[in-house]
Structure formats: C-alpha cells, structure tokens
N, C-alpha and C. Protein backbone atom coordinates (compact mmCIF):
# COMPACT_ATOMS: atom_id res chain seq x y z
N MET A 1 1.04 86.20 -30.62
CA MET A 1 0.68 84.30 -30.83
C MET A 1 -0.62 84.68 -31.66
N LYS A 2 -0.50 83.81 -32.76
CA LYS A 2 -1.37 83.66 -33.73
C LYS A 2 -2.61 82.98 -33.33
N ARG A 3 -3.96 83.19 -33.57
CA ARG A 3 -5.44 82.36 -33.03
C ARG A 3 -5.78 81.84 -34.71
N ARG A 4 -5.74 80.41 -34.25
CA ARG A 4 -6.33 79.62 -35.49
C ARG A 4 -7.54 78.85 -35.33
N LEU A 5 -8.30 78.79 -36.26
CA LEU A 5 -9.70 78.10 -36.24
C LEU A 5 -9.47 76.77 -37.15
N ILE A 6 -9.73 75.96 -36.59
CA ILE A 6 -9.68 74.38 -37.32
C ILE A 6 -11.33 73.89 -37.52
N ALA A 7 -11.64 73.91 -38.35
CA ALA A 7 -13.20 73.20 -38.77
C ALA A 7 -13.09 71.58 -38.87
N VAL A 8 -13.59 70.80 -38.19
CA VAL A 8 -13.72 69.75 -38.45
C VAL A 8 -14.92 69.02 -38.84
N VAL A 9 -15.31 68.28 -39.96
CA VAL A 9 -16.22 67.93 -40.54
C VAL A 9 -16.30 66.54 -40.62
N SER A 10 -17.48 66.00 -39.76
CA SER A 10 -17.42 64.30 -39.81
C SER A 10 -18.82 63.87 -40.17
N ALA A 11 -18.83 63.05 -41.54
CA ALA A 11 -20.21 62.64 -41.91
C ALA A 11 -20.65 61.23 -41.20
N GLY A 12 -20.33 60.71 -40.23
CA GLY A 12 -20.67 59.74 -39.54
C GLY A 12 -22.19 59.70 -39.12
N LEU A 13 -22.87 58.47 -39.45
CA LEU A 13 -24.22 58.31 -39.45
C LEU A 13 -24.55 57.85 -38.43
N ARG A 14 -23.73 56.68 -37.63
CA ARG A 14 -24.28 56.08 -36.51
C ARG A 14 -23.79 56.72 -35.18
N GLN A 15 -24.41 56.02 -34.26
CA GLN A 15 -23.83 56.57 -32.84
C GLN A 15 -23.63 55.24 -31.65
N PRO A 16 -22.57 54.84 -31.28
CA PRO A 16 -21.25 55.67 -31.63
C PRO A 16 -20.76 55.57 -33.11
N SER A 17 -19.98 56.74 -33.44
CA SER A 17 -19.43 56.70 -34.80
C SER A 17 -17.92 56.62 -34.69
N SER A 18 -17.11 55.57 -35.67
CA SER A 18 -15.79 55.63 -35.82
C SER A 18 -15.19 56.73 -36.48
N THR A 19 -16.42 57.02 -37.40
CA THR A 19 -15.91 58.61 -38.36
C THR A 19 -15.82 59.63 -37.05
N LEU A 20 -16.44 59.74 -36.42
CA LEU A 20 -16.63 61.00 -35.53
C LEU A 20 -15.21 60.89 -34.41
N LEU A 21 -15.10 59.38 -33.94
CA LEU A 21 -13.85 59.44 -33.13
C LEU A 21 -12.48 59.60 -33.78
N LEU A 22 -12.20 59.27 -35.23
CA LEU A 22 -11.30 59.82 -35.87
C LEU A 22 -10.86 60.95 -36.03
N ALA A 23 -12.13 61.63 -36.24
CA ALA A 23 -12.35 63.33 -36.37
C ALA A 23 -11.56 64.01 -35.30
N GLU A 24 -12.21 63.21 -33.88
CA GLU A 24 -11.43 64.07 -32.82
C GLU A 24 -10.33 63.79 -32.43
N ARG A 25 -9.71 62.15 -32.69
CA ARG A 25 -8.26 62.29 -32.72
C ARG A 25 -7.44 63.09 -33.47
N LEU A 26 -7.87 63.03 -34.95
CA LEU A 26 -7.20 64.21 -35.90
C LEU A 26 -7.33 65.59 -35.25
N ALA A 27 -8.45 66.17 -34.61
CA ALA A 27 -8.58 67.29 -34.31
C ALA A 27 -7.33 67.68 -32.87
N ALA A 28 -7.58 66.87 -32.10
CA ALA A 28 -6.99 66.83 -31.02
C ALA A 28 -5.18 66.80 -31.34
N ALA A 29 -4.94 65.98 -32.14
CA ALA A 29 -3.26 66.06 -32.77
C ALA A 29 -3.01 67.27 -33.48
N THR A 30 -3.91 68.00 -34.17
CA THR A 30 -3.51 69.01 -34.80
C THR A 30 -3.48 70.03 -33.81
N ARG A 31 -4.53 69.94 -32.99
CA ARG A 31 -4.11 71.37 -31.78
C ARG A 31 -3.07 71.46 -31.05
N ARG A 32 -2.51 70.08 -30.77
CA ARG A 32 -1.25 69.65 -30.15
C ARG A 32 0.17 70.36 -31.02
N ALA A 33 -0.10 69.98 -32.22
CA ALA A 33 0.84 70.30 -33.33
C ALA A 33 0.97 71.93 -33.28
N LEU A 34 -0.25 72.66 -33.67
CA LEU A 34 -0.37 74.06 -33.68
C LEU A 34 0.22 74.79 -32.27
N GLU A 35 0.03 74.19 -31.37
CA GLU A 35 0.34 74.72 -29.83
C GLU A 35 1.68 74.78 -29.78
N VAL A 36 2.51 73.63 -30.12
CA VAL A 36 3.81 73.47 -30.45
C VAL A 36 4.67 74.53 -31.17
N LEU A 37 3.85 74.85 -32.32
CA LEU A 37 4.28 76.00 -32.97
C LEU A 37 3.86 77.27 -32.83
N GLY A 38 3.17 77.54 -31.29
CA GLY A 38 3.06 78.92 -30.79
C GLY A 38 1.83 79.36 -31.05
N ALA A 39 0.73 78.60 -31.79
CA ALA A 39 -0.72 78.99 -31.97
C ALA A 39 -1.73 78.81 -30.74
N GLU A 40 -2.50 79.95 -30.79
CA GLU A 40 -3.84 79.57 -29.85
C GLU A 40 -4.79 78.79 -30.85
N VAL A 41 -5.70 77.65 -30.53
CA VAL A 41 -6.04 76.98 -31.29
C VAL A 41 -7.63 76.82 -30.91
N ASP A 42 -8.75 77.33 -31.96
CA ASP A 42 -10.13 77.10 -31.48
C ASP A 42 -10.31 75.96 -32.53
N VAL A 43 -11.37 75.19 -32.30
CA VAL A 43 -11.84 74.07 -33.02
C VAL A 43 -13.11 73.81 -32.97
N GLU A 44 -13.69 73.81 -34.04
CA GLU A 44 -15.27 73.78 -34.29
C GLU A 44 -15.38 72.56 -34.69
N SER A 45 -16.11 71.56 -34.14
CA SER A 45 -16.66 70.41 -34.73
C SER A 45 -18.02 70.25 -35.36
N ILE A 46 -18.08 69.83 -36.32
CA ILE A 46 -19.32 69.78 -37.38
C ILE A 46 -19.83 68.37 -37.49
N GLU A 47 -20.88 67.87 -37.10
CA GLU A 47 -21.38 66.59 -37.53
C GLU A 47 -22.30 66.88 -38.58
N LEU A 48 -22.02 66.56 -39.71
CA LEU A 48 -23.21 66.48 -40.67
C LEU A 48 -24.67 65.65 -40.44
N ARG A 49 -24.47 64.57 -39.75
CA ARG A 49 -25.57 64.09 -39.21
C ARG A 49 -26.98 64.76 -39.10
N GLY A 50 -26.63 65.81 -38.22
CA GLY A 50 -27.61 66.59 -37.50
C GLY A 50 -27.97 67.55 -38.48
N TYR A 51 -27.40 67.90 -39.89
CA TYR A 51 -27.88 68.84 -40.72
C TYR A 51 -28.24 68.13 -41.98
N GLY A 52 -28.61 66.82 -41.93
CA GLY A 52 -29.09 66.20 -43.17
C GLY A 52 -30.25 66.93 -43.92
N HIS A 53 -31.31 67.27 -43.19
CA HIS A 53 -32.81 68.17 -43.78
C HIS A 53 -32.20 69.52 -44.25
N HIS A 54 -31.30 70.09 -43.57
CA HIS A 54 -30.89 71.29 -43.85
C HIS A 54 -30.16 71.34 -45.47
N LEU A 55 -29.19 70.30 -45.50
CA LEU A 55 -28.30 70.06 -46.49
C LEU A 55 -29.14 69.93 -48.03
N LEU A 56 -30.26 69.01 -47.71
CA LEU A 56 -30.86 68.67 -48.87
C LEU A 56 -31.98 69.63 -49.06
N ASN A 57 -32.38 70.58 -48.21
CA ASN A 57 -33.41 71.64 -48.68
C ASN A 57 -32.66 72.82 -49.40
N ASN A 58 -31.36 72.93 -48.85
CA ASN A 58 -30.49 73.70 -49.54
C ASN A 58 -30.12 73.56 -50.97
N MET A 59 -29.99 72.17 -51.05
CA MET A 59 -29.94 71.81 -52.85
C MET A 59 -30.96 72.34 -53.50
N ILE A 60 -32.33 72.00 -52.68
CA ILE A 60 -33.62 72.11 -53.49
C ILE A 60 -33.90 73.39 -53.71
N THR A 61 -33.64 74.26 -52.77
CA THR A 61 -33.86 75.70 -52.77
C THR A 61 -32.86 76.80 -53.23
N GLY A 62 -31.62 76.29 -53.02
CA GLY A 62 -30.34 77.33 -53.35
C GLY A 62 -30.22 77.88 -52.12
N TYR A 63 -30.67 77.86 -51.21
CA TYR A 63 -30.48 78.71 -49.95
C TYR A 63 -30.20 77.91 -48.60
N PRO A 64 -29.20 78.29 -47.86
CA PRO A 64 -29.04 77.48 -46.75
C PRO A 64 -30.21 78.26 -45.89
N SER A 65 -30.40 77.36 -44.63
CA SER A 65 -31.37 77.42 -43.75
C SER A 65 -30.54 78.53 -42.50
N GLU A 66 -31.14 78.94 -41.60
CA GLU A 66 -30.46 79.76 -40.49
C GLU A 66 -29.63 78.78 -39.76
N GLU A 67 -30.20 77.66 -39.84
CA GLU A 67 -29.30 76.72 -38.89
C GLU A 67 -27.69 76.22 -39.68
N LEU A 68 -28.03 76.08 -41.15
CA LEU A 68 -27.14 75.68 -41.79
C LEU A 68 -25.79 76.89 -42.30
N ARG A 69 -26.41 77.83 -42.29
CA ARG A 69 -25.42 79.12 -42.64
C ARG A 69 -24.27 79.39 -41.90
N PRO A 70 -24.47 79.32 -40.53
CA PRO A 70 -23.20 79.25 -39.71
C PRO A 70 -22.21 78.10 -39.90
N VAL A 71 -22.61 77.12 -40.25
CA VAL A 71 -21.86 75.91 -40.43
C VAL A 71 -21.08 76.13 -41.66
N LEU A 72 -21.58 76.73 -42.50
CA LEU A 72 -21.00 77.07 -44.07
C LEU A 72 -19.61 78.12 -43.56
N ASP A 73 -20.43 79.19 -43.08
CA ASP A 73 -19.47 80.39 -42.47
C ASP A 73 -18.27 79.79 -41.81
N THR A 74 -18.44 78.85 -40.98
CA THR A 74 -17.37 78.26 -40.16
C THR A 74 -16.15 77.67 -41.08
N VAL A 75 -16.82 77.33 -42.17
CA VAL A 75 -15.74 76.30 -43.07
C VAL A 75 -14.99 77.30 -43.60
N ALA A 76 -15.74 78.22 -44.42
CA ALA A 76 -15.20 79.31 -45.23
C ALA A 76 -14.02 80.26 -44.22
N ARG A 77 -14.26 80.19 -43.11
CA ARG A 77 -13.44 81.41 -42.46
C ARG A 77 -12.03 80.49 -41.66
N ALA A 78 -12.14 79.27 -41.69
CA ALA A 78 -11.22 78.24 -40.96
C ALA A 78 -10.08 78.55 -41.44
N ASP A 79 -9.02 78.37 -40.83
CA ASP A 79 -7.51 78.29 -41.20
C ASP A 79 -7.24 77.21 -41.87
N GLY A 80 -8.04 76.17 -41.36
CA GLY A 80 -7.70 74.63 -42.02
C GLY A 80 -9.20 74.09 -41.47
N LEU A 81 -8.79 72.85 -42.43
CA LEU A 81 -10.07 71.93 -42.35
C LEU A 81 -9.96 70.38 -42.08
N ILE A 82 -10.51 69.73 -41.31
CA ILE A 82 -10.21 68.19 -41.06
C ILE A 82 -11.69 67.66 -41.47
N ALA A 83 -11.29 66.91 -42.87
CA ALA A 83 -12.84 66.60 -43.34
C ALA A 83 -12.55 64.83 -43.08
N VAL A 84 -13.36 64.06 -42.63
CA VAL A 84 -13.73 62.78 -42.43
C VAL A 84 -15.20 62.26 -42.84
N THR A 85 -15.08 61.12 -43.61
CA THR A 85 -16.24 60.38 -44.38
C THR A 85 -16.19 58.89 -44.12
N PRO A 86 -17.20 58.47 -43.89
CA PRO A 86 -17.37 57.11 -43.81
C PRO A 86 -17.14 56.54 -45.33
N THR A 87 -16.99 55.52 -45.69
CA THR A 87 -16.60 54.67 -47.22
C THR A 87 -18.15 53.92 -47.43
N PHE A 88 -18.73 54.62 -48.65
CA PHE A 88 -19.78 53.83 -48.86
C PHE A 88 -19.64 53.51 -50.58
N SER A 89 -19.66 52.13 -50.93
CA SER A 89 -19.60 51.87 -52.14
C SER A 89 -18.54 52.30 -52.86
N ALA A 90 -17.37 52.14 -52.10
CA ALA A 90 -15.84 52.72 -52.62
C ALA A 90 -15.73 54.07 -52.75
N SER A 91 -16.64 54.84 -52.18
CA SER A 91 -16.53 56.29 -52.24
C SER A 91 -16.71 57.15 -51.01
N TYR A 92 -16.84 58.44 -50.86
CA TYR A 92 -17.32 59.03 -49.93
C TYR A 92 -18.95 59.03 -49.73
N SER A 93 -19.46 59.21 -48.73
CA SER A 93 -20.87 59.10 -48.22
C SER A 93 -21.54 60.06 -49.20
N GLY A 94 -22.72 60.23 -49.33
CA GLY A 94 -23.65 60.71 -50.23
C GLY A 94 -23.92 61.97 -49.32
N LEU A 95 -23.77 62.02 -47.93
CA LEU A 95 -24.22 62.92 -47.14
C LEU A 95 -22.96 63.93 -46.95
N PHE A 96 -21.51 63.31 -47.10
CA PHE A 96 -20.53 64.21 -47.15
C PHE A 96 -20.45 64.94 -48.60
N LYS A 97 -20.94 64.38 -49.51
CA LYS A 97 -20.97 64.91 -51.01
C LYS A 97 -21.82 66.14 -51.07
N LEU A 98 -22.98 65.92 -50.19
CA LEU A 98 -24.17 67.04 -50.03
C LEU A 98 -23.71 68.07 -49.60
N PHE A 99 -22.57 68.01 -48.50
CA PHE A 99 -22.11 69.17 -47.92
C PHE A 99 -21.15 69.66 -48.78
N VAL A 100 -20.33 69.17 -49.28
CA VAL A 100 -19.61 69.72 -50.11
C VAL A 100 -20.21 70.51 -51.41
N ASP A 101 -21.41 70.10 -51.86
CA ASP A 101 -21.84 70.71 -52.88
C ASP A 101 -22.58 71.63 -52.42
N VAL A 102 -22.71 72.10 -51.34
CA VAL A 102 -23.75 73.31 -50.75
C VAL A 102 -22.82 74.50 -50.28
N LEU A 103 -21.52 74.17 -50.45
CA LEU A 103 -20.50 74.76 -49.79
C LEU A 103 -20.32 76.15 -50.81
N ASP A 104 -20.13 77.35 -50.30
CA ASP A 104 -20.11 78.58 -50.86
C ASP A 104 -18.82 78.50 -52.20
N GLU A 105 -18.92 78.73 -53.34
CA GLU A 105 -17.91 78.90 -54.32
C GLU A 105 -16.43 79.42 -53.65
N GLY A 106 -15.49 78.81 -53.91
CA GLY A 106 -14.08 79.27 -53.50
C GLY A 106 -14.09 79.07 -52.06
N ALA A 107 -14.94 78.49 -51.29
CA ALA A 107 -14.67 78.31 -49.89
C ALA A 107 -13.51 77.45 -49.45
N LEU A 108 -13.19 76.66 -50.40
CA LEU A 108 -11.87 75.64 -49.94
C LEU A 108 -10.63 76.12 -50.68
N GLU A 109 -10.77 76.98 -51.58
CA GLU A 109 -9.86 77.70 -52.50
C GLU A 109 -8.58 77.83 -51.67
N ASP A 110 -7.48 77.11 -51.96
CA ASP A 110 -6.10 77.27 -51.22
C ASP A 110 -6.18 77.17 -49.53
N LYS A 111 -7.34 76.49 -49.03
CA LYS A 111 -7.34 76.24 -47.50
C LYS A 111 -6.92 74.95 -47.56
N PRO A 112 -5.74 74.89 -46.21
CA PRO A 112 -5.22 73.45 -45.94
C PRO A 112 -6.36 72.64 -45.39
N VAL A 113 -6.23 71.21 -46.15
CA VAL A 113 -7.04 70.25 -45.74
C VAL A 113 -6.49 69.03 -45.27
N LEU A 114 -6.98 68.30 -44.31
CA LEU A 114 -6.76 66.98 -43.91
C LEU A 114 -7.95 66.14 -44.45
N MET A 115 -7.68 65.16 -45.13
CA MET A 115 -8.84 64.26 -45.41
C MET A 115 -8.50 62.99 -44.94
N ALA A 116 -9.84 62.58 -44.44
CA ALA A 116 -9.81 61.00 -43.75
C ALA A 116 -11.00 60.50 -43.79
N ALA A 117 -10.61 59.16 -43.74
CA ALA A 117 -11.97 58.09 -44.11
C ALA A 117 -11.82 56.90 -42.69
N THR A 118 -13.06 56.55 -42.98
CA THR A 118 -13.24 55.22 -42.36
C THR A 118 -13.88 54.13 -43.14
N GLY A 119 -13.82 52.76 -43.02
CA GLY A 119 -14.28 51.81 -43.78
C GLY A 119 -14.46 50.59 -43.06
N GLY A 120 -15.04 49.38 -43.83
CA GLY A 120 -15.44 48.02 -43.29
C GLY A 120 -14.23 47.38 -43.52
N THR A 121 -13.17 47.82 -44.44
CA THR A 121 -12.08 46.67 -44.50
C THR A 121 -11.13 47.77 -45.08
N ALA A 122 -9.68 47.32 -44.89
CA ALA A 122 -8.61 47.99 -45.23
C ALA A 122 -8.49 48.05 -46.73
N ARG A 123 -9.07 47.35 -47.40
CA ARG A 123 -8.96 47.50 -48.95
C ARG A 123 -9.83 48.90 -49.44
N HIS A 124 -10.68 49.29 -48.51
CA HIS A 124 -11.26 50.55 -48.94
C HIS A 124 -10.35 51.95 -48.51
N SER A 125 -9.27 51.53 -48.05
CA SER A 125 -8.26 52.94 -47.83
C SER A 125 -8.08 53.46 -49.12
N LEU A 126 -8.46 52.96 -50.56
CA LEU A 126 -8.25 53.75 -51.82
C LEU A 126 -9.18 54.81 -51.82
N VAL A 127 -10.02 54.80 -51.31
CA VAL A 127 -10.95 56.30 -51.37
C VAL A 127 -10.32 57.36 -51.23
N LEU A 128 -9.09 57.23 -50.40
CA LEU A 128 -8.57 58.66 -49.97
C LEU A 128 -8.02 59.26 -51.44
N ASP A 129 -6.97 58.37 -52.17
CA ASP A 129 -6.37 59.01 -53.42
C ASP A 129 -7.35 58.89 -54.61
N HIS A 130 -8.09 58.03 -54.57
CA HIS A 130 -9.13 57.67 -55.79
C HIS A 130 -10.23 58.65 -55.71
N GLU A 131 -10.83 59.34 -54.62
CA GLU A 131 -12.10 59.85 -54.34
C GLU A 131 -11.73 60.99 -53.77
N LEU A 132 -11.46 60.84 -52.64
CA LEU A 132 -11.15 62.29 -51.80
C LEU A 132 -10.08 63.16 -52.35
N ARG A 133 -9.14 62.97 -52.49
CA ARG A 133 -8.18 63.71 -53.26
C ARG A 133 -8.51 64.40 -54.33
N PRO A 134 -8.88 63.58 -55.34
CA PRO A 134 -9.70 64.41 -56.90
C PRO A 134 -10.66 65.48 -56.37
N LEU A 135 -11.46 64.93 -55.65
CA LEU A 135 -12.46 66.23 -55.07
C LEU A 135 -12.04 67.53 -54.51
N PHE A 136 -11.17 67.31 -53.70
CA PHE A 136 -10.56 68.52 -52.64
C PHE A 136 -9.54 69.36 -54.00
N SER A 137 -8.98 68.38 -54.56
CA SER A 137 -8.14 69.03 -55.71
C SER A 137 -9.04 70.17 -56.77
N TYR A 138 -10.24 69.51 -57.17
CA TYR A 138 -11.10 70.04 -57.91
C TYR A 138 -11.46 71.69 -57.29
N LEU A 139 -11.86 71.30 -55.97
CA LEU A 139 -12.04 72.45 -55.34
C LEU A 139 -11.04 73.49 -54.69
N ARG A 140 -9.67 73.01 -55.55
CA ARG A 140 -8.42 73.96 -55.53
C ARG A 140 -7.90 74.13 -53.91
N ALA A 141 -8.36 72.87 -53.01
CA ALA A 141 -7.96 73.06 -51.59
C ALA A 141 -6.41 72.71 -51.74
N ALA A 142 -5.53 73.17 -50.53
CA ALA A 142 -4.39 72.54 -50.36
C ALA A 142 -4.35 71.39 -49.36
N VAL A 143 -4.45 70.19 -50.07
CA VAL A 143 -4.47 68.84 -49.16
C VAL A 143 -3.19 68.55 -48.76
N VAL A 144 -3.03 68.26 -47.31
CA VAL A 144 -1.84 67.70 -46.93
C VAL A 144 -1.66 66.27 -47.56
N THR A 145 -0.14 66.01 -47.59
CA THR A 145 0.15 64.80 -48.35
C THR A 145 -0.67 63.69 -47.58
N THR A 146 -0.55 63.42 -46.42
CA THR A 146 -0.77 62.21 -45.68
C THR A 146 -2.42 62.29 -45.41
N GLY A 147 -3.05 61.33 -45.91
CA GLY A 147 -4.27 60.90 -45.59
C GLY A 147 -4.55 59.87 -44.65
N VAL A 148 -5.60 59.95 -43.79
CA VAL A 148 -5.86 58.88 -42.93
C VAL A 148 -7.12 58.01 -43.00
N PHE A 149 -6.70 56.57 -42.98
CA PHE A 149 -7.96 55.82 -43.30
C PHE A 149 -7.73 54.68 -41.99
N ALA A 150 -9.00 54.59 -41.28
CA ALA A 150 -9.01 53.63 -40.20
C ALA A 150 -9.99 52.62 -40.68
N ALA A 151 -9.45 51.26 -40.63
CA ALA A 151 -10.17 50.02 -40.54
C ALA A 151 -10.85 49.53 -39.39
N PRO A 152 -11.66 48.81 -39.01
CA PRO A 152 -12.01 48.09 -37.84
C PRO A 152 -10.73 47.69 -36.97
N GLU A 153 -9.89 46.98 -37.72
CA GLU A 153 -8.63 46.51 -37.07
C GLU A 153 -7.93 47.43 -36.29
N ASP A 154 -7.86 48.92 -36.93
CA ASP A 154 -6.85 49.87 -36.38
C ASP A 154 -7.43 50.36 -34.98
N TRP A 155 -8.58 49.97 -34.73
CA TRP A 155 -8.98 50.39 -33.46
C TRP A 155 -8.81 49.59 -32.18
N SER A 156 -8.25 48.40 -32.47
CA SER A 156 -7.87 47.20 -31.66
C SER A 156 -6.67 47.66 -30.95
N SER A 157 -6.53 47.82 -29.43
CA SER A 157 -5.43 48.15 -28.68
C SER A 157 -4.37 47.26 -28.85
N GLY A 158 -4.93 45.79 -29.31
CA GLY A 158 -3.98 44.77 -29.20
C GLY A 158 -3.30 44.52 -30.50
N HIS A 159 -3.81 45.40 -31.53
CA HIS A 159 -3.49 45.09 -32.96
C HIS A 159 -2.20 46.16 -33.14
N ALA A 160 -1.35 45.19 -34.21
CA ALA A 160 -0.08 46.10 -34.60
C ALA A 160 -0.66 47.33 -35.32
N SER A 161 -1.91 47.26 -36.01
CA SER A 161 -2.20 48.61 -37.02
C SER A 161 -2.50 49.65 -35.94
N ALA A 162 -2.89 49.61 -34.54
CA ALA A 162 -3.02 50.74 -33.86
C ALA A 162 -1.95 51.53 -33.75
N VAL A 163 -0.64 51.23 -33.74
CA VAL A 163 0.66 51.84 -33.63
C VAL A 163 0.46 52.65 -34.92
N SER A 164 0.09 51.90 -35.98
CA SER A 164 0.29 52.51 -37.36
C SER A 164 -0.92 53.82 -37.54
N LEU A 165 -2.07 53.48 -36.73
CA LEU A 165 -2.73 54.63 -36.99
C LEU A 165 -2.54 55.92 -36.43
N ALA A 166 -2.05 55.71 -35.04
CA ALA A 166 -1.71 56.73 -34.20
C ALA A 166 -0.50 57.49 -34.89
N ASP A 167 0.43 56.60 -35.75
CA ASP A 167 1.52 57.18 -36.27
C ASP A 167 1.03 58.31 -37.34
N ARG A 168 -0.01 57.60 -38.05
CA ARG A 168 -0.43 58.52 -39.29
C ARG A 168 -1.43 59.40 -38.91
N THR A 169 -1.92 59.52 -37.80
CA THR A 169 -2.74 60.54 -37.17
C THR A 169 -1.79 61.85 -36.94
N GLU A 170 -0.86 61.55 -36.23
CA GLU A 170 0.42 62.48 -35.70
C GLU A 170 0.81 63.19 -36.86
N ARG A 171 1.36 61.96 -37.82
CA ARG A 171 2.10 62.74 -39.11
C ARG A 171 1.11 63.65 -39.99
N ALA A 172 -0.46 63.37 -40.03
CA ALA A 172 -1.24 64.14 -40.74
C ALA A 172 -1.38 65.49 -40.02
N ALA A 173 -1.51 65.56 -38.97
CA ALA A 173 -1.61 66.46 -38.09
C ALA A 173 -0.66 67.31 -38.11
N GLY A 174 0.53 67.06 -37.90
CA GLY A 174 1.62 67.88 -38.16
C GLY A 174 1.74 68.34 -39.30
N GLU A 175 1.27 67.85 -40.45
CA GLU A 175 1.57 68.29 -41.73
C GLU A 175 0.32 69.57 -41.80
N LEU A 176 -0.60 69.51 -41.51
CA LEU A 176 -2.00 70.06 -41.51
C LEU A 176 -1.33 71.67 -40.39
N ALA A 177 -0.77 71.40 -39.50
CA ALA A 177 -0.33 72.31 -38.70
C ALA A 177 0.73 73.26 -39.45
N ARG A 178 1.75 72.55 -40.09
CA ARG A 178 2.55 73.34 -40.69
C ARG A 178 2.22 74.15 -41.87
N GLU A 179 1.26 73.46 -42.51
CA GLU A 179 0.52 74.19 -43.57
C GLU A 179 -0.14 75.30 -42.94
N VAL A 180 -0.57 75.10 -42.24
CA VAL A 180 -1.79 76.38 -41.54
C VAL A 180 -0.62 77.52 -41.05
N ASN A 181 0.31 76.85 -40.44
CA ASN A 181 1.27 77.92 -39.87
C ASN A 181 1.94 78.80 -40.65
N ARG A 182 2.27 78.16 -41.52
CA ARG A 182 3.19 78.74 -42.68
C ARG A 182 2.45 80.07 -43.46
N ARG A 183 1.30 79.93 -43.36
CA ARG A 183 0.29 80.60 -44.51
C ARG A 183 0.57 82.37 -43.97
N ASP A 184 1.51 82.71 -42.48
CA ASP A 184 1.53 83.68 -42.30
C ASP A 184 2.84 84.33 -42.36
N THR A 185 3.33 83.52 -42.86
CA THR A 185 5.02 83.52 -42.95
C THR A 185 5.11 84.26 -44.10
N PRO A 186 5.91 85.57 -43.71
CA PRO A 186 5.69 86.81 -44.76
C PRO A 186 6.73 86.28 -46.25
N VAL A 187 6.32 86.42 -47.25
CA VAL A 187 7.19 86.21 -48.61
C VAL A 187 8.00 87.26 -48.61
N ILE A 188 9.35 86.99 -48.72
CA ILE A 188 10.56 88.06 -49.30
C ILE A 188 10.70 87.75 -50.41
N GLU A 189 10.55 88.89 -51.32
CA GLU A 189 10.85 88.79 -52.81
C GLU A 189 12.10 89.08 -53.06
N ASP A 190 12.75 88.09 -54.07
CA ASP A 190 14.14 88.12 -54.03
C ASP A 190 14.27 89.09 -55.12
N PRO A 191 14.85 90.10 -55.27
CA PRO A 191 15.32 91.25 -56.22
C PRO A 191 15.87 90.40 -57.30
N TYR A 192 16.57 89.62 -57.21
CA TYR A 192 17.16 88.97 -58.47
C TYR A 192 16.28 87.92 -59.30
N MET A 193 14.79 87.78 -58.75
CA MET A 193 13.88 86.87 -59.51
C MET A 193 13.14 87.80 -60.40
N SER A 194 13.33 89.57 -60.34
CA SER A 194 12.49 90.13 -61.05
C SER A 194 13.60 91.27 -61.64
N PRO A 195 14.51 91.05 -62.42
CA PRO A 195 15.64 92.31 -62.61
C PRO A 195 14.98 93.21 -63.40
N THR A 196 15.53 94.67 -63.35
CA THR A 196 15.40 95.47 -64.02
C THR A 196 15.60 95.52 -65.60
N PRO A 197 14.90 95.70 -66.55
CA PRO A 197 15.04 95.68 -67.97
C PRO A 197 16.40 96.52 -68.56
N PHE A 198 16.91 95.84 -69.18
CA PHE A 198 18.27 96.90 -69.58
C PHE A 198 17.81 98.07 -70.19
N GLU A 199 16.62 97.87 -70.78
CA GLU A 199 16.33 99.24 -71.71
C GLU A 199 16.09 100.35 -70.30
N ASP A 200 15.23 99.89 -69.29
CA ASP A 200 15.17 100.88 -68.35
C ASP A 200 16.29 101.50 -67.73
N LEU A 201 17.21 100.31 -67.58
CA LEU A 201 18.52 101.02 -67.05
C LEU A 201 19.45 102.04 -67.77
N LEU A 202 19.03 101.96 -69.40
CA LEU A 202 19.58 102.88 -70.07
C LEU A 202 18.83 104.19 -69.91
N ALA A 203 17.38 103.95 -70.12
CA ALA A 203 16.59 104.97 -69.89
C ALA A 203 17.19 106.18 -68.52
N ASP A 204 17.39 105.09 -67.50
CA ASP A 204 17.75 106.07 -66.31
C ASP A 204 18.80 106.66 -66.43
N GLY A 205 19.51 106.15 -67.27
CA GLY A 205 21.13 106.93 -67.28
C GLY A 205 21.10 108.05 -68.09
C-alpha cells in the first residue's frame, strides 16, 4: 500500500475563513478518493496567514527562516498539492503570490495540483482559468482539469449551488487522487514504438 502526502495551502486572511473551509473540504474529499484507490494518506495543512512575516523576510533576504523552511520542504516533497486563495482585485491574493515566489525552483514541476479560490461574487470564478491556471502552468505543475470556486451563496445549505459545490469538490478531488495514484503506475515500453534500425539488423546478420 502506497503512502501519500498531500500538502494543503490556504491563503485566507480572516478567521473564520471560507478559504480555509474550502481547503479542508477539498483535503477531506481527496483523502477519501485516495483511500478508495488503496493509498494511505497524510495531509499537511499550511495556513499562509501565520507565515506572512517569514515570507516577506524570505523575499528580502533570499533565505527562508527556520519556521518557513519546513513549510517549503513539505510542499516540495508532497505527492500532490491543494492550493486555495481568496480573490483580490480579480486575481490571487498577494500573500498567495508571495508564497509561490519563494518556493524552491522546480518545487512544483510535474506535481499534481488542485487549484481553488473563494470570492465575494460568482463573477470572480474566472480567477481560476485567467490567473491561477497560467501561474501553475508557468511553474510546470500538472494541474487537474477541474478547479473549484466558492462564492458566498455556495455555502448556503438551502441554495441549489450548494449541491454544485459538493459535486465540484468531489470531482476535483477525484481527479487529483487519480493523478497522484497513477504516478506509480509502471510505464511499459512498447517495443514497436522504437524498432531496431534496418542497418543494425543487417549488421547483426
């Protein structure tokens, strides 16, 4: 049985935080999906709110503090990443970008990533494909197809969109789990994809 580490980064600023709540729901759904696939799962939750000063100092000095270093290492060694940001000025938050800017080079390369965001209106859902997806693509992460955005009305149990949020959460978590799980699937090379050159066959004869 494979043991998987999922890092969950949330950039919410307030307490209570809808951003953190969405991150927790996505983490729980991902854990369930991975366990169905036969994996043991460890989840490491990282609230950037508590590392603001450390992130800024890292930008200024070029070196992470003793408190920040383990956080960066967790993201780098994780099998998958769930990244959730609030929406500010139609984009990800400055705190979220600050964290991305201090990650070690190549930390997200080919790493399965589930991106998510919260915002004050459903119109901000464009932040997923217009801001977050290009950012993670630039970092060469393997971003799953479904991103999850939660507007205030999505949290209302009596609102139809609450079902939609649950569906999107489960769909995105399933995609992340399958992407993480398939990384250990051995690649069987097709011998017909790399045939022996005719000249080599003649030389062997």
